[in-house]
Amino acid sequence: RLAAGPATMAELRDLWGTTRKYALPFAAYLDAVGLTVRDGD
């Protein structure tokens, strides 16, 4: 998904088919392992 360009948390949450409660830790994990970087929103 991100190869096509940046995504918001809402877009990633929908991609993952989960709620914000789980999407936030997923995103933080992907940042921590070096796959993604947070850039504002």
PDB file of all heavy atoms in Angstrom:
ATOM      1  N   ARG A   1       0.830  -1.216   0.000  1.00  0.00           N
ATOM      2  CA  ARG A   1       0.000   0.000   0.000  1.00  0.00           C
ATOM      3  C   ARG A   1       0.855   1.252   0.000  1.00  0.00           C
ATOM      4  O   ARG A   1       0.598   2.203  -0.754  1.00  0.00           O
ATOM      5  CB  ARG A   1      -0.949  -0.020   1.212  1.00  0.00           C
ATOM      6  CG  ARG A   1      -1.656   1.293   1.514  1.00  0.00           C
ATOM      7  CD  ARG A   1      -2.458   1.816   0.333  1.00  0.00           C
ATOM      8  NE  ARG A   1      -2.989   3.131   0.587  1.00  0.00           N
ATOM      9  CZ  ARG A   1      -2.351   4.275   0.364  1.00  0.00           C
ATOM     10  NH1 ARG A   1      -1.117   4.281  -0.099  1.00  0.00           N
ATOM     11  NH2 ARG A   1      -2.939   5.429   0.608  1.00  0.00           N
ATOM     12  N   LEU A   2       1.888   1.271   0.845  1.00  0.00           N
ATOM     13  CA  LEU A   2       2.700   2.481   0.961  1.00  0.00           C
ATOM     14  C   LEU A   2       3.651   2.670  -0.215  1.00  0.00           C
ATOM     15  O   LEU A   2       4.171   3.768  -0.409  1.00  0.00           O
ATOM     16  CB  LEU A   2       3.453   2.491   2.287  1.00  0.00           C
ATOM     17  CG  LEU A   2       2.564   2.564   3.533  1.00  0.00           C
ATOM     18  CD1 LEU A   2       3.409   2.626   4.789  1.00  0.00           C
ATOM     19  CD2 LEU A   2       1.606   3.745   3.466  1.00  0.00           C
ATOM     20  N   ALA A   3       3.864   1.637  -1.007  1.00  0.00           N
ATOM     21  CA  ALA A   3       4.659   1.793  -2.226  1.00  0.00           C
ATOM     22  C   ALA A   3       3.956   2.745  -3.194  1.00  0.00           C
ATOM     23  O   ALA A   3       4.601   3.400  -4.011  1.00  0.00           O
ATOM     24  CB  ALA A   3       4.900   0.436  -2.880  1.00  0.00           C
ATOM     25  N   ALA A   4       2.631   2.838  -3.063  1.00  0.00           N
ATOM     26  CA  ALA A   4       1.853   3.744  -3.910  1.00  0.00           C
ATOM     27  C   ALA A   4       1.822   5.170  -3.367  1.00  0.00           C
ATOM     28  O   ALA A   4       1.360   6.078  -4.036  1.00  0.00           O
ATOM     29  CB  ALA A   4       0.420   3.224  -4.051  1.00  0.00           C
ATOM     30  N   GLY A   5       2.303   5.369  -2.136  1.00  0.00           N
ATOM     31  CA  GLY A   5       2.318   6.694  -1.533  1.00  0.00           C
ATOM     32  C   GLY A   5       1.890   6.645  -0.085  1.00  0.00           C
ATOM     33  O   GLY A   5       1.412   5.614   0.393  1.00  0.00           O
ATOM     34  N   PRO A   6       2.066   7.752   0.633  1.00  0.00           N
ATOM     35  CA  PRO A   6       1.730   7.802   2.055  1.00  0.00           C
ATOM     36  C   PRO A   6       0.258   7.515   2.320  1.00  0.00           C
ATOM     37  O   PRO A   6      -0.587   7.699   1.443  1.00  0.00           O
ATOM     38  CB  PRO A   6       2.082   9.236   2.461  1.00  0.00           C
ATOM     39  CG  PRO A   6       2.981   9.741   1.396  1.00  0.00           C
ATOM     40  CD  PRO A   6       2.601   9.015   0.144  1.00  0.00           C
ATOM     41  N   ALA A   7      -0.035   7.056   3.540  1.00  0.00           N
ATOM     42  CA  ALA A   7      -1.410   6.745   3.929  1.00  0.00           C
ATOM     43  C   ALA A   7      -1.681   7.297   5.319  1.00  0.00           C
ATOM     44  O   ALA A   7      -0.785   7.373   6.159  1.00  0.00           O
ATOM     45  CB  ALA A   7      -1.642   5.243   3.915  1.00  0.00           C
ATOM     46  N   THR A   8      -2.928   7.664   5.548  1.00  0.00           N
ATOM     47  CA  THR A   8      -3.353   8.097   6.881  1.00  0.00           C
ATOM     48  C   THR A   8      -3.601   6.868   7.756  1.00  0.00           C
ATOM     49  O   THR A   8      -3.721   5.743   7.257  1.00  0.00           O
ATOM     50  CB  THR A   8      -4.661   8.908   6.804  1.00  0.00           C
ATOM     51  OG1 THR A   8      -5.700   8.045   6.320  1.00  0.00           O
ATOM     52  CG2 THR A   8      -4.523  10.130   5.916  1.00  0.00           C
ATOM     53  N   MET A   9      -3.727   7.097   9.056  1.00  0.00           N
ATOM     54  CA  MET A   9      -4.059   5.997   9.959  1.00  0.00           C
ATOM     55  C   MET A   9      -5.406   5.395   9.597  1.00  0.00           C
ATOM     56  O   MET A   9      -5.575   4.175   9.657  1.00  0.00           O
ATOM     57  CB  MET A   9      -4.081   6.464  11.421  1.00  0.00           C
ATOM     58  CG  MET A   9      -2.759   6.444  12.123  1.00  0.00           C
ATOM     59  SD  MET A   9      -1.887   4.867  12.111  1.00  0.00           S
ATOM     60  CE  MET A   9      -3.121   3.730  12.689  1.00  0.00           C
ATOM     61  N   ALA A  10      -6.361   6.213   9.206  1.00  0.00           N
ATOM     62  CA  ALA A  10      -7.674   5.695   8.833  1.00  0.00           C
ATOM     63  C   ALA A  10      -7.567   4.766   7.624  1.00  0.00           C
ATOM     64  O   ALA A  10      -8.213   3.711   7.581  1.00  0.00           O
ATOM     65  CB  ALA A  10      -8.637   6.842   8.543  1.00  0.00           C
ATOM     66  N   GLU A  11      -6.746   5.139   6.663  1.00  0.00           N
ATOM     67  CA  GLU A  11      -6.551   4.286   5.488  1.00  0.00           C
ATOM     68  C   GLU A  11      -5.880   2.969   5.871  1.00  0.00           C
ATOM     69  O   GLU A  11      -6.284   1.896   5.393  1.00  0.00           O
ATOM     70  CB  GLU A  11      -5.729   5.013   4.430  1.00  0.00           C
ATOM     71  CG  GLU A  11      -6.456   6.180   3.802  1.00  0.00           C
ATOM     72  CD  GLU A  11      -5.571   7.063   2.952  1.00  0.00           C
ATOM     73  OE1 GLU A  11      -4.361   7.211   3.255  1.00  0.00           O
ATOM     74  OE2 GLU A  11      -6.096   7.631   1.985  1.00  0.00           O
ATOM     75  N   LEU A  12      -4.876   3.040   6.736  1.00  0.00           N
ATOM     76  CA  LEU A  12      -4.202   1.818   7.170  1.00  0.00           C
ATOM     77  C   LEU A  12      -5.135   0.950   8.010  1.00  0.00           C
ATOM     78  O   LEU A  12      -5.166  -0.277   7.845  1.00  0.00           O
ATOM     79  CB  LEU A  12      -2.928   2.153   7.941  1.00  0.00           C
ATOM     80  CG  LEU A  12      -1.812   2.782   7.112  1.00  0.00           C
ATOM     81  CD1 LEU A  12      -0.656   3.204   7.997  1.00  0.00           C
ATOM     82  CD2 LEU A  12      -1.346   1.837   6.017  1.00  0.00           C
ATOM     83  N   ARG A  13      -5.889   1.566   8.879  1.00  0.00           N
ATOM     84  CA  ARG A  13      -6.857   0.828   9.701  1.00  0.00           C
ATOM     85  C   ARG A  13      -7.818   0.048   8.804  1.00  0.00           C
ATOM     86  O   ARG A  13      -8.086  -1.133   9.037  1.00  0.00           O
ATOM     87  CB  ARG A  13      -7.632   1.805  10.576  1.00  0.00           C
ATOM     88  CG  ARG A  13      -8.676   1.135  11.463  1.00  0.00           C
ATOM     89  CD  ARG A  13      -9.715   2.128  11.942  1.00  0.00           C
ATOM     90  NE  ARG A  13     -10.471   2.632  10.797  1.00  0.00           N
ATOM     91  CZ  ARG A  13     -10.863   3.883  10.642  1.00  0.00           C
ATOM     92  NH1 ARG A  13     -10.616   4.793  11.553  1.00  0.00           N
ATOM     93  NH2 ARG A  13     -11.544   4.265   9.580  1.00  0.00           N
ATOM     94  N   ASP A  14      -8.317   0.696   7.764  1.00  0.00           N
ATOM     95  CA  ASP A  14      -9.226   0.035   6.830  1.00  0.00           C
ATOM     96  C   ASP A  14      -8.512  -1.072   6.057  1.00  0.00           C
ATOM     97  O   ASP A  14      -9.068  -2.151   5.850  1.00  0.00           O
ATOM     98  CB  ASP A  14      -9.842   1.038   5.868  1.00  0.00           C
ATOM     99  CG  ASP A  14     -10.786   2.014   6.558  1.00  0.00           C
ATOM    100  OD1 ASP A  14     -11.195   1.764   7.714  1.00  0.00           O
ATOM    101  OD2 ASP A  14     -11.117   3.042   5.933  1.00  0.00           O
ATOM    102  N   LEU A  15      -7.284  -0.818   5.640  1.00  0.00           N
ATOM    103  CA  LEU A  15      -6.487  -1.824   4.937  1.00  0.00           C
ATOM    104  C   LEU A  15      -6.314  -3.072   5.794  1.00  0.00           C
ATOM    105  O   LEU A  15      -6.426  -4.193   5.308  1.00  0.00           O
ATOM    106  CB  LEU A  15      -5.115  -1.242   4.577  1.00  0.00           C
ATOM    107  CG  LEU A  15      -4.084  -2.217   4.014  1.00  0.00           C
ATOM    108  CD1 LEU A  15      -4.469  -2.603   2.582  1.00  0.00           C
ATOM    109  CD2 LEU A  15      -2.694  -1.604   4.052  1.00  0.00           C
ATOM    110  N   TRP A  16      -6.041  -2.856   7.079  1.00  0.00           N
ATOM    111  CA  TRP A  16      -5.812  -3.977   7.996  1.00  0.00           C
ATOM    112  C   TRP A  16      -7.109  -4.609   8.482  1.00  0.00           C
ATOM    113  O   TRP A  16      -7.091  -5.678   9.094  1.00  0.00           O
ATOM    114  CB  TRP A  16      -4.982  -3.516   9.189  1.00  0.00           C
ATOM    115  CG  TRP A  16      -3.629  -3.012   8.814  1.00  0.00           C
ATOM    116  CD1 TRP A  16      -2.843  -3.412   7.779  1.00  0.00           C
ATOM    117  CD2 TRP A  16      -2.883  -1.997   9.488  1.00  0.00           C
ATOM    118  NE1 TRP A  16      -1.663  -2.710   7.762  1.00  0.00           N
ATOM    119  CE2 TRP A  16      -1.661  -1.832   8.805  1.00  0.00           C
ATOM    120  CE3 TRP A  16      -3.136  -1.207  10.607  1.00  0.00           C
ATOM    121  CZ2 TRP A  16      -0.690  -0.930   9.206  1.00  0.00           C
ATOM    122  CZ3 TRP A  16      -2.164  -0.295  10.996  1.00  0.00           C
ATOM    123  CH2 TRP A  16      -0.955  -0.156  10.313  1.00  0.00           C
ATOM    124  N   GLY A  17      -8.242  -3.942   8.252  1.00  0.00           N
ATOM    125  CA  GLY A  17      -9.527  -4.477   8.671  1.00  0.00           C
ATOM    126  C   GLY A  17      -9.671  -4.572  10.175  1.00  0.00           C
ATOM    127  O   GLY A  17     -10.178  -5.565  10.698  1.00  0.00           O
ATOM    128  N   THR A  18      -9.222  -3.530  10.869  1.00  0.00           N
ATOM    129  CA  THR A  18      -9.253  -3.542  12.331  1.00  0.00           C
ATOM    130  C   THR A  18      -9.784  -2.224  12.863  1.00  0.00           C
ATOM    131  O   THR A  18     -10.240  -1.380  12.102  1.00  0.00           O
ATOM    132  CB  THR A  18      -7.843  -3.858  12.890  1.00  0.00           C
ATOM    133  OG1 THR A  18      -7.935  -4.130  14.278  1.00  0.00           O
ATOM    134  CG2 THR A  18      -6.864  -2.737  12.625  1.00  0.00           C
ATOM    135  N   THR A  19      -9.733  -2.064  14.157  1.00  0.00           N
ATOM    136  CA  THR A  19     -10.161  -0.825  14.800  1.00  0.00           C
ATOM    137  C   THR A  19      -8.935   0.017  15.145  1.00  0.00           C
ATOM    138  O   THR A  19      -7.810  -0.470  15.134  1.00  0.00           O
ATOM    139  CB  THR A  19     -10.941  -1.116  16.087  1.00  0.00           C
ATOM    140  OG1 THR A  19     -10.055  -1.765  17.012  1.00  0.00           O
ATOM    141  CG2 THR A  19     -12.151  -1.995  15.815  1.00  0.00           C
ATOM    142  N   ARG A  20      -9.190   1.258  15.499  1.00  0.00           N
ATOM    143  CA  ARG A  20      -8.101   2.160  15.892  1.00  0.00           C
ATOM    144  C   ARG A  20      -7.332   1.611  17.098  1.00  0.00           C
ATOM    145  O   ARG A  20      -6.126   1.787  17.203  1.00  0.00           O
ATOM    146  CB  ARG A  20      -8.671   3.545  16.192  1.00  0.00           C
ATOM    147  CG  ARG A  20      -7.636   4.601  16.442  1.00  0.00           C
ATOM    148  CD  ARG A  20      -8.292   5.991  16.467  1.00  0.00           C
ATOM    149  NE  ARG A  20      -7.322   7.008  16.762  1.00  0.00           N
ATOM    150  CZ  ARG A  20      -6.500   7.552  15.875  1.00  0.00           C
ATOM    151  NH1 ARG A  20      -6.533   7.169  14.622  1.00  0.00           N
ATOM    152  NH2 ARG A  20      -5.647   8.494  16.227  1.00  0.00           N
ATOM    153  N   LYS A  21      -8.046   0.914  17.991  1.00  0.00           N
ATOM    154  CA  LYS A  21      -7.414   0.338  19.183  1.00  0.00           C
ATOM    155  C   LYS A  21      -6.230  -0.561  18.803  1.00  0.00           C
ATOM    156  O   LYS A  21      -5.214  -0.567  19.495  1.00  0.00           O
ATOM    157  CB  LYS A  21      -8.451  -0.470  19.970  1.00  0.00           C
ATOM    158  CG  LYS A  21      -7.876  -1.207  21.153  1.00  0.00           C
ATOM    159  CD  LYS A  21      -8.937  -2.015  21.868  1.00  0.00           C
ATOM    160  CE  LYS A  21      -8.331  -2.820  23.000  1.00  0.00           C
ATOM    161  NZ  LYS A  21      -9.361  -3.598  23.710  1.00  0.00           N
ATOM    162  N   TYR A  22      -6.360  -1.308  17.724  1.00  0.00           N
ATOM    163  CA  TYR A  22      -5.295  -2.202  17.285  1.00  0.00           C
ATOM    164  C   TYR A  22      -4.418  -1.569  16.208  1.00  0.00           C
ATOM    165  O   TYR A  22      -3.230  -1.884  16.112  1.00  0.00           O
ATOM    166  CB  TYR A  22      -5.883  -3.523  16.792  1.00  0.00           C
ATOM    167  CG  TYR A  22      -6.581  -4.259  17.902  1.00  0.00           C
ATOM    168  CD1 TYR A  22      -7.959  -4.291  17.973  1.00  0.00           C
ATOM    169  CD2 TYR A  22      -5.859  -4.878  18.911  1.00  0.00           C
ATOM    170  CE1 TYR A  22      -8.612  -4.944  19.011  1.00  0.00           C
ATOM    171  CE2 TYR A  22      -6.492  -5.529  19.954  1.00  0.00           C
ATOM    172  CZ  TYR A  22      -7.869  -5.562  19.994  1.00  0.00           C
ATOM    173  OH  TYR A  22      -8.499  -6.193  21.031  1.00  0.00           O
ATOM    174  N   ALA A  23      -4.985  -0.696  15.405  1.00  0.00           N
ATOM    175  CA  ALA A  23      -4.220  -0.079  14.323  1.00  0.00           C
ATOM    176  C   ALA A  23      -3.061   0.762  14.855  1.00  0.00           C
ATOM    177  O   ALA A  23      -1.975   0.754  14.273  1.00  0.00           O
ATOM    178  CB  ALA A  23      -5.128   0.770  13.441  1.00  0.00           C
ATOM    179  N   LEU A  24      -3.280   1.481  15.949  1.00  0.00           N
ATOM    180  CA  LEU A  24      -2.202   2.318  16.495  1.00  0.00           C
ATOM    181  C   LEU A  24      -0.997   1.487  16.933  1.00  0.00           C
ATOM    182  O   LEU A  24       0.140   1.820  16.563  1.00  0.00           O
ATOM    183  CB  LEU A  24      -2.726   3.192  17.627  1.00  0.00           C
ATOM    184  CG  LEU A  24      -3.685   4.305  17.186  1.00  0.00           C
ATOM    185  CD1 LEU A  24      -4.270   5.017  18.397  1.00  0.00           C
ATOM    186  CD2 LEU A  24      -2.980   5.291  16.278  1.00  0.00           C
ATOM    187  N   PRO A  25      -1.180   0.401  17.691  1.00  0.00           N
ATOM    188  CA  PRO A  25      -0.011  -0.423  18.024  1.00  0.00           C
ATOM    189  C   PRO A  25       0.632  -1.071  16.796  1.00  0.00           C
ATOM    190  O   PRO A  25       1.857  -1.205  16.734  1.00  0.00           O
ATOM    191  CB  PRO A  25      -0.554  -1.488  18.975  1.00  0.00           C
ATOM    192  CG  PRO A  25      -1.843  -0.986  19.469  1.00  0.00           C
ATOM    193  CD  PRO A  25      -2.355  -0.030  18.429  1.00  0.00           C
ATOM    194  N   PHE A  26      -0.189  -1.467  15.806  1.00  0.00           N
ATOM    195  CA  PHE A  26       0.382  -2.037  14.582  1.00  0.00           C
ATOM    196  C   PHE A  26       1.290  -1.012  13.905  1.00  0.00           C
ATOM    197  O   PHE A  26       2.403  -1.336  13.494  1.00  0.00           O
ATOM    198  CB  PHE A  26      -0.717  -2.449  13.596  1.00  0.00           C
ATOM    199  CG  PHE A  26      -1.537  -3.644  13.991  1.00  0.00           C
ATOM    200  CD1 PHE A  26      -2.669  -3.968  13.273  1.00  0.00           C
ATOM    201  CD2 PHE A  26      -1.199  -4.448  15.070  1.00  0.00           C
ATOM    202  CE1 PHE A  26      -3.442  -5.071  13.607  1.00  0.00           C
ATOM    203  CE2 PHE A  26      -1.966  -5.555  15.414  1.00  0.00           C
ATOM    204  CZ  PHE A  26      -3.092  -5.863  14.675  1.00  0.00           C
ATOM    205  N   ALA A  27       0.814   0.224  13.789  1.00  0.00           N
ATOM    206  CA  ALA A  27       1.598   1.272  13.138  1.00  0.00           C
ATOM    207  C   ALA A  27       2.873   1.575  13.930  1.00  0.00           C
ATOM    208  O   ALA A  27       3.948   1.725  13.339  1.00  0.00           O
ATOM    209  CB  ALA A  27       0.762   2.536  12.973  1.00  0.00           C
ATOM    210  N   ALA A  28       2.765   1.654  15.245  1.00  0.00           N
ATOM    211  CA  ALA A  28       3.952   1.909  16.071  1.00  0.00           C
ATOM    212  C   ALA A  28       4.955   0.772  15.922  1.00  0.00           C
ATOM    213  O   ALA A  28       6.175   1.009  15.873  1.00  0.00           O
ATOM    214  CB  ALA A  28       3.538   2.085  17.529  1.00  0.00           C
ATOM    215  N   TYR A  29       4.468  -0.453  15.847  1.00  0.00           N
ATOM    216  CA  TYR A  29       5.348  -1.613  15.663  1.00  0.00           C
ATOM    217  C   TYR A  29       6.079  -1.518  14.324  1.00  0.00           C
ATOM    218  O   TYR A  29       7.300  -1.719  14.261  1.00  0.00           O
ATOM    219  CB  TYR A  29       4.528  -2.905  15.731  1.00  0.00           C
ATOM    220  CG  TYR A  29       5.310  -4.123  15.339  1.00  0.00           C
ATOM    221  CD1 TYR A  29       6.213  -4.708  16.226  1.00  0.00           C
ATOM    222  CD2 TYR A  29       5.168  -4.698  14.084  1.00  0.00           C
ATOM    223  CE1 TYR A  29       6.946  -5.824  15.857  1.00  0.00           C
ATOM    224  CE2 TYR A  29       5.891  -5.813  13.716  1.00  0.00           C
ATOM    225  CZ  TYR A  29       6.790  -6.376  14.611  1.00  0.00           C
ATOM    226  OH  TYR A  29       7.517  -7.479  14.239  1.00  0.00           O
ATOM    227  N   LEU A  30       5.356  -1.197  13.265  1.00  0.00           N
ATOM    228  CA  LEU A  30       5.987  -1.101  11.943  1.00  0.00           C
ATOM    229  C   LEU A  30       6.998   0.037  11.893  1.00  0.00           C
ATOM    230  O   LEU A  30       8.023  -0.071  11.208  1.00  0.00           O
ATOM    231  CB  LEU A  30       4.919  -0.951  10.862  1.00  0.00           C
ATOM    232  CG  LEU A  30       4.024  -2.181  10.680  1.00  0.00           C
ATOM    233  CD1 LEU A  30       2.894  -1.872   9.702  1.00  0.00           C
ATOM    234  CD2 LEU A  30       4.817  -3.385  10.218  1.00  0.00           C
ATOM    235  N   ASP A  31       6.750   1.113  12.633  1.00  0.00           N
ATOM    236  CA  ASP A  31       7.745   2.182  12.762  1.00  0.00           C
ATOM    237  C   ASP A  31       8.984   1.644  13.479  1.00  0.00           C
ATOM    238  O   ASP A  31      10.118   1.889  13.066  1.00  0.00           O
ATOM    239  CB  ASP A  31       7.194   3.365  13.559  1.00  0.00           C
ATOM    240  CG  ASP A  31       6.117   4.156  12.819  1.00  0.00           C
ATOM    241  OD1 ASP A  31       5.946   3.972  11.604  1.00  0.00           O
ATOM    242  OD2 ASP A  31       5.450   4.962  13.497  1.00  0.00           O
ATOM    243  N   ALA A  32       8.770   0.914  14.579  1.00  0.00           N
ATOM    244  CA  ALA A  32       9.877   0.416  15.405  1.00  0.00           C
ATOM    245  C   ALA A  32      10.755  -0.576  14.654  1.00  0.00           C
ATOM    246  O   ALA A  32      11.971  -0.602  14.864  1.00  0.00           O
ATOM    247  CB  ALA A  32       9.334  -0.217  16.683  1.00  0.00           C
ATOM    248  N   VAL A  33      10.160  -1.394  13.787  1.00  0.00           N
ATOM    249  CA  VAL A  33      10.957  -2.376  13.048  1.00  0.00           C
ATOM    250  C   VAL A  33      11.556  -1.792  11.772  1.00  0.00           C
ATOM    251  O   VAL A  33      12.277  -2.474  11.053  1.00  0.00           O
ATOM    252  CB  VAL A  33      10.172  -3.672  12.741  1.00  0.00           C
ATOM    253  CG1 VAL A  33       9.754  -4.365  14.024  1.00  0.00           C
ATOM    254  CG2 VAL A  33       8.989  -3.419  11.833  1.00  0.00           C
ATOM    255  N   GLY A  34      11.258  -0.517  11.497  1.00  0.00           N
ATOM    256  CA  GLY A  34      11.885   0.175  10.380  1.00  0.00           C
ATOM    257  C   GLY A  34      11.212   0.023   9.033  1.00  0.00           C
ATOM    258  O   GLY A  34      11.790   0.378   8.018  1.00  0.00           O
ATOM    259  N   LEU A  35       9.981  -0.477   9.003  1.00  0.00           N
ATOM    260  CA  LEU A  35       9.272  -0.572   7.726  1.00  0.00           C
ATOM    261  C   LEU A  35       8.651   0.763   7.353  1.00  0.00           C
ATOM    262  O   LEU A  35       8.666   1.154   6.181  1.00  0.00           O
ATOM    263  CB  LEU A  35       8.173  -1.647   7.780  1.00  0.00           C
ATOM    264  CG  LEU A  35       7.378  -1.807   6.488  1.00  0.00           C
ATOM    265  CD1 LEU A  35       8.260  -2.400   5.389  1.00  0.00           C
ATOM    266  CD2 LEU A  35       6.146  -2.659   6.697  1.00  0.00           C
ATOM    267  N   THR A  36       8.100   1.469   8.353  1.00  0.00           N
ATOM    268  CA  THR A  36       7.403   2.722   8.099  1.00  0.00           C
ATOM    269  C   THR A  36       7.988   3.855   8.922  1.00  0.00           C
ATOM    270  O   THR A  36       8.722   3.637   9.887  1.00  0.00           O
ATOM    271  CB  THR A  36       5.902   2.590   8.434  1.00  0.00           C
ATOM    272  OG1 THR A  36       5.760   2.257   9.812  1.00  0.00           O
ATOM    273  CG2 THR A  36       5.230   1.541   7.580  1.00  0.00           C
ATOM    274  N   VAL A  37       7.619   5.053   8.521  1.00  0.00           N
ATOM    275  CA  VAL A  37       8.006   6.274   9.228  1.00  0.00           C
ATOM    276  C   VAL A  37       6.769   7.156   9.322  1.00  0.00           C
ATOM    277  O   VAL A  37       6.035   7.308   8.337  1.00  0.00           O
ATOM    278  CB  VAL A  37       9.110   7.034   8.457  1.00  0.00           C
ATOM    279  CG1 VAL A  37       9.421   8.370   9.112  1.00  0.00           C
ATOM    280  CG2 VAL A  37      10.358   6.191   8.337  1.00  0.00           C
ATOM    281  N   ARG A  38       6.549   7.709  10.499  1.00  0.00           N
ATOM    282  CA  ARG A  38       5.443   8.658  10.657  1.00  0.00           C
ATOM    283  C   ARG A  38       5.887  10.012  10.147  1.00  0.00           C
ATOM    284  O   ARG A  38       6.973  10.499  10.474  1.00  0.00           O
ATOM    285  CB  ARG A  38       5.043   8.757  12.124  1.00  0.00           C
ATOM    286  CG  ARG A  38       3.848   9.651  12.315  1.00  0.00           C
ATOM    287  CD  ARG A  38       3.378   9.651  13.733  1.00  0.00           C
ATOM    288  NE  ARG A  38       2.257  10.564  13.870  1.00  0.00           N
ATOM    289  CZ  ARG A  38       1.718  10.901  15.002  1.00  0.00           C
ATOM    290  NH1 ARG A  38       2.180  10.398  16.122  1.00  0.00           N
ATOM    291  NH2 ARG A  38       0.714  11.740  15.036  1.00  0.00           N
ATOM    292  N   ASP A  39       5.031  10.619   9.342  1.00  0.00           N
ATOM    293  CA  ASP A  39       5.311  11.921   8.747  1.00  0.00           C
ATOM    294  C   ASP A  39       4.060  12.771   8.931  1.00  0.00           C
ATOM    295  O   ASP A  39       3.187  12.803   8.067  1.00  0.00           O
ATOM    296  CB  ASP A  39       5.659  11.741   7.275  1.00  0.00           C
ATOM    297  CG  ASP A  39       6.121  13.023   6.608  1.00  0.00           C
ATOM    298  OD1 ASP A  39       6.346  14.033   7.319  1.00  0.00           O
ATOM    299  OD2 ASP A  39       6.251  13.030   5.378  1.00  0.00           O
ATOM    300  N   GLY A  40       3.944  13.414  10.094  1.00  0.00           N
ATOM    301  CA  GLY A  40       2.746  14.177  10.412  1.00  0.00           C
ATOM    302  C   GLY A  40       1.564  13.244  10.581  1.00  0.00           C
ATOM    303  O   GLY A  40       1.599  12.323  11.379  1.00  0.00           O
ATOM    304  N   ASP A  41       0.524  13.439   9.782  1.00  0.00           N
ATOM    305  CA  ASP A  41      -0.675  12.604   9.835  1.00  0.00           C
ATOM    306  C   ASP A  41      -0.576  11.376   8.933  1.00  0.00           C
ATOM    307  O   ASP A  41      -1.549  10.636   8.786  1.00  0.00           O
ATOM    308  CB  ASP A  41      -1.906  13.419   9.427  1.00  0.00           C
ATOM    309  CG  ASP A  41      -2.272  14.456  10.468  1.00  0.00           C
ATOM    310  OD1 ASP A  41      -1.875  14.296  11.642  1.00  0.00           O
ATOM    311  OD2 ASP A  41      -2.947  15.438  10.109  1.00  0.00           O
TER     312      ASP A  41
END
